[in-house]
Amino acid sequence: MTSSEPPNESAFHIEGKNLKKSFSLQQQQITVLEDVNFTIERGKVVLIGGRSGVGKSTLLGLIGGLDRPTSGSILFENQNFENL
């Protein structure tokens, strides 16, 4: 896209702020994500990569609204997912 082209109106802006996700497993707290911050701007392509077990699927579940963070917030177009 050049600077003279209008922004893609079908794209969106999404942000994660201070995300933490923990699970209880056999009376033990397992923290999968801690203090994760990101911004995905309109029209940008993002790659989420890493070793097995580092929280990629957990992060995608949070971004997609399938799960809620233990703490922190996901913002879609500057509105908290929990308020949508």
N, C-alpha and C. Protein backbone atom coordinates (compact mmCIF):
# COMPACT_ATOMS: atom_id res chain seq x y z
N MET A 1 0.85 -1.17 0.00
CA MET A 1 0.00 0.00 0.00
C MET A 1 0.90 1.23 0.00
N THR A 2 0.55 2.20 -0.82
CA THR A 2 1.28 3.46 -0.82
C THR A 2 0.56 4.44 0.08
N SER A 3 1.22 5.52 0.41
CA SER A 3 0.62 6.49 1.33
C SER A 3 -0.59 7.19 0.72
N SER A 4 -0.75 7.15 -0.64
CA SER A 4 -1.90 7.81 -1.26
C SER A 4 -3.14 6.92 -1.27
N GLU A 5 -2.98 5.63 -0.95
CA GLU A 5 -4.13 4.73 -0.93
C GLU A 5 -4.88 4.86 0.39
N PRO A 6 -6.23 4.74 0.36
CA PRO A 6 -6.99 4.81 1.61
C PRO A 6 -6.76 3.55 2.44
N PRO A 7 -6.91 3.63 3.75
CA PRO A 7 -6.74 2.44 4.58
C PRO A 7 -7.80 1.40 4.25
N ASN A 8 -7.46 0.15 4.46
CA ASN A 8 -8.39 -0.95 4.23
C ASN A 8 -9.43 -0.94 5.35
N GLU A 9 -10.67 -0.58 5.01
CA GLU A 9 -11.72 -0.45 6.02
C GLU A 9 -12.15 -1.79 6.60
N SER A 10 -11.85 -2.91 5.91
CA SER A 10 -12.23 -4.22 6.45
C SER A 10 -11.20 -4.72 7.46
N ALA A 11 -10.04 -4.07 7.50
CA ALA A 11 -9.01 -4.47 8.47
C ALA A 11 -9.34 -3.85 9.82
N PHE A 12 -8.63 -4.27 10.86
CA PHE A 12 -8.91 -3.78 12.20
C PHE A 12 -7.62 -3.51 12.94
N HIS A 13 -7.75 -2.88 14.08
CA HIS A 13 -6.64 -2.57 14.98
C HIS A 13 -6.89 -3.35 16.27
N ILE A 14 -5.89 -4.08 16.72
CA ILE A 14 -6.05 -4.87 17.94
C ILE A 14 -4.81 -4.69 18.80
N GLU A 15 -5.01 -4.64 20.11
CA GLU A 15 -3.92 -4.39 21.06
C GLU A 15 -4.03 -5.32 22.25
N GLY A 16 -2.90 -5.77 22.73
CA GLY A 16 -2.84 -6.52 23.99
C GLY A 16 -2.03 -5.73 24.99
N LYS A 17 -2.54 -5.58 26.20
CA LYS A 17 -1.86 -4.78 27.22
C LYS A 17 -1.67 -5.60 28.49
N ASN A 18 -0.42 -5.81 28.86
CA ASN A 18 -0.05 -6.49 30.11
C ASN A 18 -0.78 -7.82 30.29
N LEU A 19 -0.86 -8.59 29.22
CA LEU A 19 -1.60 -9.85 29.26
C LEU A 19 -0.90 -10.90 30.11
N LYS A 20 -1.71 -11.59 30.89
CA LYS A 20 -1.24 -12.73 31.65
C LYS A 20 -2.31 -13.80 31.53
N LYS A 21 -1.89 -15.04 31.33
CA LYS A 21 -2.81 -16.16 31.30
C LYS A 21 -2.22 -17.29 32.12
N SER A 22 -2.97 -17.72 33.12
CA SER A 22 -2.57 -18.81 34.00
C SER A 22 -3.65 -19.87 34.02
N PHE A 23 -3.25 -21.10 34.27
CA PHE A 23 -4.16 -22.23 34.40
C PHE A 23 -3.87 -22.96 35.69
N SER A 24 -4.90 -23.58 36.26
CA SER A 24 -4.71 -24.43 37.43
C SER A 24 -4.56 -25.87 36.94
N LEU A 25 -3.53 -26.53 37.40
CA LEU A 25 -3.29 -27.92 37.03
C LEU A 25 -2.84 -28.67 38.28
N GLN A 26 -3.68 -29.58 38.72
CA GLN A 26 -3.39 -30.38 39.91
C GLN A 26 -2.96 -29.51 41.09
N GLN A 27 -3.79 -28.55 41.42
CA GLN A 27 -3.58 -27.63 42.54
C GLN A 27 -2.31 -26.78 42.40
N GLN A 28 -1.85 -26.61 41.17
CA GLN A 28 -0.67 -25.77 40.91
C GLN A 28 -1.04 -24.75 39.84
N GLN A 29 -0.60 -23.50 40.00
CA GLN A 29 -0.83 -22.44 39.04
C GLN A 29 0.28 -22.49 37.99
N ILE A 30 -0.11 -22.63 36.72
CA ILE A 30 0.84 -22.62 35.61
C ILE A 30 0.62 -21.33 34.82
N THR A 31 1.63 -20.48 34.74
CA THR A 31 1.53 -19.24 33.97
C THR A 31 2.10 -19.49 32.58
N VAL A 32 1.24 -19.31 31.58
CA VAL A 32 1.63 -19.55 30.19
C VAL A 32 2.11 -18.26 29.53
N LEU A 33 1.40 -17.17 29.78
CA LEU A 33 1.78 -15.86 29.25
C LEU A 33 1.89 -14.88 30.41
N GLU A 34 2.90 -14.02 30.36
CA GLU A 34 3.05 -13.02 31.42
C GLU A 34 3.61 -11.73 30.84
N ASP A 35 2.93 -10.62 31.12
CA ASP A 35 3.33 -9.28 30.69
C ASP A 35 3.55 -9.20 29.18
N VAL A 36 2.56 -9.68 28.42
CA VAL A 36 2.62 -9.64 26.95
C VAL A 36 1.93 -8.36 26.47
N ASN A 37 2.64 -7.61 25.63
CA ASN A 37 2.12 -6.37 25.06
C ASN A 37 2.35 -6.41 23.55
N PHE A 38 1.34 -5.99 22.78
CA PHE A 38 1.49 -5.95 21.33
C PHE A 38 0.46 -5.00 20.74
N THR A 39 0.74 -4.57 19.52
CA THR A 39 -0.21 -3.79 18.73
C THR A 39 -0.17 -4.34 17.32
N ILE A 40 -1.34 -4.63 16.78
CA ILE A 40 -1.45 -5.04 15.38
C ILE A 40 -2.23 -3.93 14.69
N GLU A 41 -1.57 -3.23 13.79
CA GLU A 41 -2.18 -2.08 13.13
C GLU A 41 -2.93 -2.51 11.88
N ARG A 42 -3.84 -1.65 11.47
CA ARG A 42 -4.62 -1.89 10.25
C ARG A 42 -3.71 -2.28 9.09
N GLY A 43 -4.11 -3.32 8.37
CA GLY A 43 -3.43 -3.69 7.14
C GLY A 43 -2.10 -4.40 7.32
N LYS A 44 -1.67 -4.66 8.54
CA LYS A 44 -0.39 -5.32 8.78
C LYS A 44 -0.58 -6.83 8.90
N VAL A 45 0.42 -7.56 8.45
CA VAL A 45 0.44 -9.01 8.60
C VAL A 45 1.40 -9.34 9.73
N VAL A 46 0.98 -10.24 10.62
CA VAL A 46 1.76 -10.56 11.81
C VAL A 46 2.00 -12.06 11.85
N LEU A 47 3.19 -12.44 12.24
CA LEU A 47 3.55 -13.85 12.42
C LEU A 47 3.78 -14.09 13.90
N ILE A 48 3.18 -15.15 14.43
CA ILE A 48 3.41 -15.55 15.81
C ILE A 48 4.17 -16.86 15.75
N GLY A 49 5.40 -16.85 16.22
CA GLY A 49 6.24 -18.04 16.14
C GLY A 49 6.92 -18.33 17.45
N GLY A 50 7.40 -19.54 17.58
CA GLY A 50 8.12 -19.93 18.79
C GLY A 50 8.11 -21.44 18.97
N ARG A 51 8.87 -21.89 19.94
CA ARG A 51 8.96 -23.32 20.24
C ARG A 51 7.60 -23.85 20.72
N SER A 52 7.49 -25.13 20.71
CA SER A 52 6.30 -25.79 21.23
C SER A 52 6.15 -25.49 22.72
N GLY A 53 4.94 -25.15 23.13
CA GLY A 53 4.66 -24.94 24.54
C GLY A 53 4.93 -23.55 25.08
N VAL A 54 5.21 -22.57 24.21
CA VAL A 54 5.52 -21.23 24.72
C VAL A 54 4.30 -20.30 24.78
N GLY A 55 3.12 -20.77 24.33
CA GLY A 55 1.91 -19.98 24.48
C GLY A 55 1.32 -19.40 23.21
N LYS A 56 1.77 -19.87 22.04
CA LYS A 56 1.25 -19.33 20.78
C LYS A 56 -0.26 -19.54 20.66
N SER A 57 -0.72 -20.76 20.88
CA SER A 57 -2.15 -21.06 20.76
C SER A 57 -2.95 -20.34 21.83
N THR A 58 -2.39 -20.22 23.02
CA THR A 58 -3.06 -19.48 24.10
C THR A 58 -3.23 -18.02 23.69
N LEU A 59 -2.19 -17.42 23.13
CA LEU A 59 -2.26 -16.03 22.69
C LEU A 59 -3.30 -15.88 21.58
N LEU A 60 -3.33 -16.79 20.63
CA LEU A 60 -4.32 -16.72 19.54
C LEU A 60 -5.74 -16.84 20.09
N GLY A 61 -5.93 -17.69 21.09
CA GLY A 61 -7.24 -17.81 21.72
C GLY A 61 -7.69 -16.52 22.39
N LEU A 62 -6.74 -15.81 22.99
CA LEU A 62 -7.05 -14.51 23.60
C LEU A 62 -7.37 -13.46 22.54
N ILE A 63 -6.56 -13.42 21.50
CA ILE A 63 -6.77 -12.44 20.42
C ILE A 63 -8.10 -12.69 19.73
N GLY A 64 -8.46 -13.95 19.55
CA GLY A 64 -9.71 -14.28 18.88
C GLY A 64 -10.94 -14.18 19.75
N GLY A 65 -10.76 -13.86 21.03
CA GLY A 65 -11.89 -13.73 21.93
C GLY A 65 -12.45 -15.05 22.41
N LEU A 66 -11.73 -16.15 22.18
CA LEU A 66 -12.18 -17.47 22.61
C LEU A 66 -11.92 -17.71 24.09
N ASP A 67 -11.00 -16.94 24.66
CA ASP A 67 -10.63 -17.09 26.06
C ASP A 67 -10.39 -15.70 26.63
N ARG A 68 -10.42 -15.59 27.94
CA ARG A 68 -10.16 -14.31 28.61
C ARG A 68 -8.83 -14.37 29.33
N PRO A 69 -8.11 -13.26 29.35
CA PRO A 69 -6.84 -13.25 30.08
C PRO A 69 -7.07 -13.31 31.58
N THR A 70 -6.12 -13.86 32.30
CA THR A 70 -6.15 -13.84 33.76
C THR A 70 -6.07 -12.40 34.25
N SER A 71 -5.23 -11.62 33.59
CA SER A 71 -5.15 -10.17 33.85
C SER A 71 -4.69 -9.49 32.57
N GLY A 72 -4.83 -8.19 32.53
CA GLY A 72 -4.52 -7.43 31.33
C GLY A 72 -5.75 -7.30 30.46
N SER A 73 -5.58 -6.76 29.26
CA SER A 73 -6.73 -6.54 28.40
C SER A 73 -6.38 -6.68 26.93
N ILE A 74 -7.39 -7.06 26.16
CA ILE A 74 -7.32 -7.09 24.70
C ILE A 74 -8.26 -5.99 24.22
N LEU A 75 -7.75 -5.11 23.39
CA LEU A 75 -8.56 -4.02 22.84
C LEU A 75 -8.76 -4.22 21.36
N PHE A 76 -9.99 -4.09 20.91
CA PHE A 76 -10.34 -4.15 19.49
C PHE A 76 -10.92 -2.80 19.13
N GLU A 77 -10.25 -2.10 18.21
CA GLU A 77 -10.66 -0.74 17.86
C GLU A 77 -10.84 0.12 19.12
N ASN A 78 -9.88 -0.01 20.04
CA ASN A 78 -9.81 0.76 21.29
C ASN A 78 -10.94 0.45 22.29
N GLN A 79 -11.65 -0.65 22.09
CA GLN A 79 -12.67 -1.07 23.06
C GLN A 79 -12.24 -2.41 23.65
N ASN A 80 -12.39 -2.54 24.95
CA ASN A 80 -12.04 -3.78 25.62
C ASN A 80 -12.96 -4.90 25.14
N PHE A 81 -12.36 -6.06 24.79
CA PHE A 81 -13.15 -7.21 24.34
C PHE A 81 -14.27 -7.53 25.32
N GLU A 82 -14.02 -7.39 26.60
CA GLU A 82 -15.02 -7.75 27.61
C GLU A 82 -16.22 -6.82 27.55
N ASN A 83 -16.10 -5.65 26.93
CA ASN A 83 -17.22 -4.71 26.83
C ASN A 83 -17.98 -4.86 25.52
N LEU A 84 -17.50 -5.71 24.63
CA LEU A 84 -18.17 -5.87 23.33
C LEU A 84 -19.26 -6.91 23.43
